Amino acid sequence: MEQDVNIKIIDRDGVAHNIVAPTDMAMNLMEVVRSFELAPEGTFGTCGGMAMCASCQCYVISNTVLPEKQDEEEAMLSEAFYVKENSRLGCQIQMTPQMEGLEVELAPES
């Protein structure tokens, strides 16, 4: 049986949001941010989750084990602004039970 996960998202204004995200809807982190309206419309996930724009870049704060970065994600992050060692694209982080306790901060809008 699928379960919801508790995650923390710090928006671009520095406000922390404790979110209960579903794991049974095949959502990724970018879609969670958009569905909870944690970034102004049109500023986050502008490519729709295709790893083609880096507008959903976030910084992973927790020690949550994430899937390895794929080539597309590496390529987009290599061209993005404000990239840090812990940068990931939200569209590449699927909401699964393993994401329980995930904490991220949204990168500044570029």
N, C-alpha and C. Protein backbone atom coordinates (compact mmCIF):
# COMPACT_ATOMS: atom_id res chain seq x y z
N MET A 1 0.85 -1.19 0.00
CA MET A 1 0.00 0.00 0.00
C MET A 1 0.89 1.24 0.00
N GLU A 2 0.52 2.20 -0.81
CA GLU A 2 1.28 3.44 -0.90
C GLU A 2 1.00 4.30 0.34
N GLN A 3 1.88 5.23 0.59
CA GLN A 3 1.72 6.11 1.74
C GLN A 3 2.08 7.52 1.34
N ASP A 4 1.58 8.48 2.10
CA ASP A 4 1.98 9.86 1.91
C ASP A 4 3.29 10.07 2.66
N VAL A 5 4.07 11.05 2.21
CA VAL A 5 5.34 11.35 2.87
C VAL A 5 5.34 12.79 3.37
N ASN A 6 6.03 13.00 4.47
CA ASN A 6 6.19 14.34 5.03
C ASN A 6 7.48 14.92 4.49
N ILE A 7 7.38 16.06 3.82
CA ILE A 7 8.56 16.74 3.29
C ILE A 7 8.50 18.21 3.70
N LYS A 8 9.66 18.86 3.67
CA LYS A 8 9.74 20.28 4.00
C LYS A 8 10.31 21.01 2.79
N ILE A 9 9.61 22.04 2.37
CA ILE A 9 10.05 22.84 1.22
C ILE A 9 10.18 24.29 1.68
N ILE A 10 11.38 24.84 1.49
CA ILE A 10 11.61 26.26 1.81
C ILE A 10 11.48 27.02 0.50
N ASP A 11 10.51 27.93 0.46
CA ASP A 11 10.25 28.65 -0.79
C ASP A 11 11.30 29.73 -1.03
N ARG A 12 11.16 30.45 -2.12
CA ARG A 12 12.16 31.45 -2.51
C ARG A 12 12.15 32.67 -1.60
N ASP A 13 11.14 32.80 -0.74
CA ASP A 13 11.11 33.88 0.23
C ASP A 13 11.66 33.44 1.58
N GLY A 14 12.13 32.18 1.66
CA GLY A 14 12.69 31.66 2.91
C GLY A 14 11.67 31.09 3.87
N VAL A 15 10.42 30.96 3.43
CA VAL A 15 9.36 30.44 4.28
C VAL A 15 9.33 28.91 4.16
N ALA A 16 9.35 28.23 5.30
CA ALA A 16 9.32 26.76 5.31
C ALA A 16 7.87 26.26 5.29
N HIS A 17 7.63 25.27 4.45
CA HIS A 17 6.31 24.66 4.33
C HIS A 17 6.45 23.17 4.60
N ASN A 18 5.71 22.68 5.60
CA ASN A 18 5.67 21.24 5.86
C ASN A 18 4.51 20.68 5.05
N ILE A 19 4.85 19.79 4.14
CA ILE A 19 3.89 19.28 3.16
C ILE A 19 3.69 17.78 3.35
N VAL A 20 2.47 17.33 3.18
CA VAL A 20 2.21 15.90 3.09
C VAL A 20 1.98 15.61 1.62
N ALA A 21 2.94 14.92 1.01
CA ALA A 21 2.91 14.67 -0.43
C ALA A 21 2.47 13.24 -0.71
N PRO A 22 1.59 13.06 -1.69
CA PRO A 22 1.15 11.71 -2.04
C PRO A 22 2.24 10.94 -2.79
N THR A 23 2.29 9.65 -2.56
CA THR A 23 3.23 8.81 -3.30
C THR A 23 2.50 7.93 -4.31
N ASP A 24 1.18 8.03 -4.35
CA ASP A 24 0.39 7.15 -5.22
C ASP A 24 -0.11 7.85 -6.48
N MET A 25 0.44 9.03 -6.79
CA MET A 25 -0.03 9.78 -7.96
C MET A 25 1.07 10.00 -8.99
N ALA A 26 2.21 9.32 -8.82
CA ALA A 26 3.34 9.44 -9.75
C ALA A 26 3.80 10.89 -9.90
N MET A 27 3.75 11.64 -8.80
CA MET A 27 4.17 13.04 -8.83
C MET A 27 5.66 13.14 -8.55
N ASN A 28 6.26 14.21 -9.07
CA ASN A 28 7.64 14.52 -8.71
C ASN A 28 7.63 15.79 -7.85
N LEU A 29 8.79 16.16 -7.34
CA LEU A 29 8.87 17.31 -6.45
C LEU A 29 8.42 18.60 -7.14
N MET A 30 8.76 18.77 -8.41
CA MET A 30 8.33 19.95 -9.14
C MET A 30 6.80 20.06 -9.13
N GLU A 31 6.12 18.94 -9.37
CA GLU A 31 4.66 18.95 -9.40
C GLU A 31 4.07 19.23 -8.02
N VAL A 32 4.73 18.75 -6.98
CA VAL A 32 4.27 19.04 -5.62
C VAL A 32 4.38 20.53 -5.35
N VAL A 33 5.51 21.13 -5.69
CA VAL A 33 5.68 22.58 -5.49
C VAL A 33 4.61 23.35 -6.24
N ARG A 34 4.36 22.96 -7.47
CA ARG A 34 3.33 23.66 -8.27
C ARG A 34 1.94 23.44 -7.70
N SER A 35 1.62 22.23 -7.28
CA SER A 35 0.26 21.96 -6.80
C SER A 35 -0.02 22.67 -5.47
N PHE A 36 1.01 22.88 -4.66
CA PHE A 36 0.84 23.62 -3.41
C PHE A 36 1.09 25.12 -3.58
N GLU A 37 1.35 25.54 -4.83
CA GLU A 37 1.55 26.95 -5.19
C GLU A 37 2.63 27.60 -4.32
N LEU A 38 3.80 26.94 -4.24
CA LEU A 38 4.90 27.44 -3.44
C LEU A 38 5.86 28.32 -4.23
N ALA A 39 5.60 28.50 -5.52
CA ALA A 39 6.37 29.41 -6.37
C ALA A 39 5.37 30.08 -7.30
N PRO A 40 5.61 31.34 -7.66
CA PRO A 40 4.69 32.03 -8.56
C PRO A 40 4.51 31.25 -9.87
N GLU A 41 3.29 31.23 -10.35
CA GLU A 41 2.98 30.51 -11.59
C GLU A 41 3.86 31.00 -12.73
N GLY A 42 4.38 30.07 -13.50
CA GLY A 42 5.21 30.41 -14.64
C GLY A 42 6.68 30.60 -14.31
N THR A 43 7.06 30.39 -13.02
CA THR A 43 8.46 30.58 -12.63
C THR A 43 9.13 29.29 -12.21
N PHE A 44 8.39 28.21 -12.08
CA PHE A 44 8.93 26.96 -11.56
C PHE A 44 8.42 25.81 -12.42
N GLY A 45 9.33 25.05 -12.98
CA GLY A 45 8.91 23.92 -13.82
C GLY A 45 8.35 24.36 -15.14
N THR A 46 8.95 25.37 -15.74
CA THR A 46 8.39 25.94 -16.96
C THR A 46 8.43 24.98 -18.15
N CYS A 47 9.30 23.99 -18.15
CA CYS A 47 9.34 23.04 -19.27
C CYS A 47 8.38 21.88 -19.04
N GLY A 48 7.70 21.88 -17.89
CA GLY A 48 6.73 20.83 -17.62
C GLY A 48 7.34 19.54 -17.10
N GLY A 49 8.58 19.58 -16.66
CA GLY A 49 9.18 18.39 -16.07
C GLY A 49 9.99 17.55 -17.02
N MET A 50 10.50 18.14 -18.08
CA MET A 50 11.26 17.41 -19.09
C MET A 50 12.78 17.52 -18.89
N ALA A 51 13.23 18.11 -17.79
CA ALA A 51 14.66 18.35 -17.52
C ALA A 51 15.30 19.18 -18.63
N MET A 52 14.56 20.21 -19.08
CA MET A 52 15.03 21.03 -20.18
C MET A 52 15.16 22.52 -19.82
N CYS A 53 14.93 22.90 -18.55
CA CYS A 53 15.00 24.33 -18.25
C CYS A 53 15.68 24.68 -16.93
N ALA A 54 15.76 23.79 -16.00
CA ALA A 54 16.36 24.02 -14.68
C ALA A 54 15.62 25.03 -13.82
N SER A 55 14.41 25.43 -14.20
CA SER A 55 13.66 26.37 -13.36
C SER A 55 13.17 25.73 -12.06
N CYS A 56 13.21 24.40 -11.98
CA CYS A 56 12.78 23.70 -10.77
C CYS A 56 13.97 23.28 -9.91
N GLN A 57 15.11 23.93 -10.13
CA GLN A 57 16.29 23.61 -9.33
C GLN A 57 16.02 23.85 -7.85
N CYS A 58 16.49 22.92 -7.04
CA CYS A 58 16.37 23.08 -5.60
C CYS A 58 17.64 22.54 -4.95
N TYR A 59 17.81 22.93 -3.70
CA TYR A 59 18.96 22.47 -2.92
C TYR A 59 18.45 21.45 -1.90
N VAL A 60 19.01 20.26 -1.93
CA VAL A 60 18.61 19.20 -1.01
C VAL A 60 19.35 19.41 0.31
N ILE A 61 18.59 19.65 1.37
CA ILE A 61 19.15 19.95 2.68
C ILE A 61 19.28 18.68 3.53
N SER A 62 18.31 17.79 3.40
CA SER A 62 18.31 16.56 4.20
C SER A 62 19.29 15.54 3.64
N ASN A 63 19.49 14.48 4.40
CA ASN A 63 20.37 13.39 3.96
C ASN A 63 19.60 12.30 3.24
N THR A 64 18.45 12.63 2.71
CA THR A 64 17.61 11.68 2.00
C THR A 64 18.38 11.10 0.81
N VAL A 65 18.33 9.78 0.69
CA VAL A 65 19.00 9.12 -0.44
C VAL A 65 18.13 9.31 -1.68
N LEU A 66 18.71 9.96 -2.70
CA LEU A 66 17.99 10.24 -3.93
C LEU A 66 18.53 9.37 -5.06
N PRO A 67 17.73 9.18 -6.10
CA PRO A 67 18.25 8.47 -7.27
C PRO A 67 19.42 9.22 -7.88
N GLU A 68 20.31 8.51 -8.54
CA GLU A 68 21.46 9.13 -9.20
C GLU A 68 20.97 10.12 -10.27
N LYS A 69 21.76 11.17 -10.48
CA LYS A 69 21.44 12.13 -11.54
C LYS A 69 21.64 11.45 -12.90
N GLN A 70 20.67 11.64 -13.78
CA GLN A 70 20.79 11.15 -15.14
C GLN A 70 21.51 12.20 -15.98
N ASP A 71 21.94 11.82 -17.17
CA ASP A 71 22.70 12.72 -18.03
C ASP A 71 21.97 14.03 -18.32
N GLU A 72 20.64 13.96 -18.54
CA GLU A 72 19.87 15.16 -18.85
C GLU A 72 19.90 16.15 -17.68
N GLU A 73 19.77 15.62 -16.46
CA GLU A 73 19.80 16.49 -15.29
C GLU A 73 21.19 17.11 -15.11
N GLU A 74 22.23 16.32 -15.26
CA GLU A 74 23.60 16.84 -15.17
C GLU A 74 23.82 17.96 -16.19
N ALA A 75 23.34 17.75 -17.41
CA ALA A 75 23.52 18.74 -18.48
C ALA A 75 22.81 20.04 -18.14
N MET A 76 21.58 19.96 -17.64
CA MET A 76 20.84 21.18 -17.31
C MET A 76 21.49 21.90 -16.15
N LEU A 77 21.92 21.18 -15.13
CA LEU A 77 22.56 21.83 -13.99
C LEU A 77 23.89 22.47 -14.37
N SER A 78 24.56 21.91 -15.37
CA SER A 78 25.84 22.49 -15.79
C SER A 78 25.65 23.85 -16.47
N GLU A 79 24.43 24.13 -16.92
CA GLU A 79 24.13 25.40 -17.59
C GLU A 79 23.31 26.35 -16.73
N ALA A 80 22.88 25.90 -15.55
CA ALA A 80 21.99 26.69 -14.72
C ALA A 80 22.75 27.71 -13.87
N PHE A 81 22.03 28.68 -13.35
CA PHE A 81 22.57 29.67 -12.43
C PHE A 81 22.38 29.18 -11.00
N TYR A 82 23.17 29.70 -10.07
CA TYR A 82 23.05 29.43 -8.64
C TYR A 82 23.20 27.96 -8.27
N VAL A 83 23.95 27.20 -9.06
CA VAL A 83 24.12 25.77 -8.80
C VAL A 83 25.06 25.57 -7.61
N LYS A 84 24.68 24.66 -6.74
CA LYS A 84 25.49 24.28 -5.59
C LYS A 84 25.76 22.78 -5.66
N GLU A 85 26.59 22.32 -4.75
CA GLU A 85 26.93 20.89 -4.69
C GLU A 85 25.67 20.03 -4.49
N ASN A 86 24.69 20.56 -3.75
CA ASN A 86 23.48 19.80 -3.44
C ASN A 86 22.30 20.15 -4.35
N SER A 87 22.58 20.74 -5.51
CA SER A 87 21.51 21.09 -6.46
C SER A 87 20.95 19.85 -7.13
N ARG A 88 19.63 19.85 -7.28
CA ARG A 88 18.92 18.82 -8.04
C ARG A 88 17.77 19.49 -8.77
N LEU A 89 17.27 18.85 -9.80
CA LEU A 89 16.06 19.32 -10.47
C LEU A 89 14.87 18.64 -9.82
N GLY A 90 13.92 19.44 -9.38
CA GLY A 90 12.74 18.88 -8.73
C GLY A 90 11.97 17.91 -9.60
N CYS A 91 12.00 18.13 -10.92
CA CYS A 91 11.26 17.25 -11.82
C CYS A 91 11.86 15.85 -11.89
N GLN A 92 13.07 15.67 -11.37
CA GLN A 92 13.73 14.38 -11.41
C GLN A 92 13.67 13.63 -10.08
N ILE A 93 12.94 14.19 -9.11
CA ILE A 93 12.80 13.55 -7.80
C ILE A 93 11.36 13.08 -7.64
N GLN A 94 11.16 11.78 -7.83
CA GLN A 94 9.82 11.19 -7.72
C GLN A 94 9.40 11.09 -6.26
N MET A 95 8.15 11.33 -5.99
CA MET A 95 7.62 11.18 -4.64
C MET A 95 7.34 9.70 -4.39
N THR A 96 8.21 9.10 -3.62
CA THR A 96 8.10 7.69 -3.24
C THR A 96 8.16 7.61 -1.73
N PRO A 97 7.80 6.48 -1.13
CA PRO A 97 7.90 6.35 0.33
C PRO A 97 9.31 6.64 0.86
N GLN A 98 10.33 6.44 0.04
CA GLN A 98 11.71 6.70 0.45
C GLN A 98 12.01 8.19 0.62
N MET A 99 11.11 9.06 0.14
CA MET A 99 11.32 10.51 0.26
C MET A 99 10.84 11.07 1.60
N GLU A 100 10.37 10.21 2.49
CA GLU A 100 9.94 10.64 3.82
C GLU A 100 11.07 11.46 4.47
N GLY A 101 10.74 12.67 4.95
CA GLY A 101 11.71 13.51 5.62
C GLY A 101 12.55 14.38 4.69
N LEU A 102 12.29 14.32 3.40
CA LEU A 102 13.04 15.14 2.44
C LEU A 102 12.89 16.61 2.79
N GLU A 103 14.01 17.34 2.77
CA GLU A 103 14.00 18.79 2.98
C GLU A 103 14.74 19.44 1.84
N VAL A 104 14.09 20.40 1.19
CA VAL A 104 14.72 21.11 0.07
C VAL A 104 14.44 22.61 0.19
N GLU A 105 15.30 23.37 -0.45
CA GLU A 105 15.12 24.82 -0.59
C GLU A 105 15.09 25.14 -2.07
N LEU A 106 14.10 25.90 -2.49
CA LEU A 106 14.01 26.28 -3.90
C LEU A 106 15.13 27.25 -4.25
N ALA A 107 15.82 26.99 -5.35
CA ALA A 107 16.88 27.88 -5.80
C ALA A 107 16.26 29.21 -6.26
N PRO A 108 17.04 30.29 -6.23
CA PRO A 108 16.52 31.58 -6.70
C PRO A 108 16.10 31.49 -8.18
N GLU A 109 15.14 32.30 -8.53
CA GLU A 109 14.71 32.36 -9.93
C GLU A 109 15.82 32.97 -10.76
N SER A 110 16.12 32.34 -11.89
CA SER A 110 17.22 32.87 -12.73
C SER A 110 16.71 33.71 -13.87
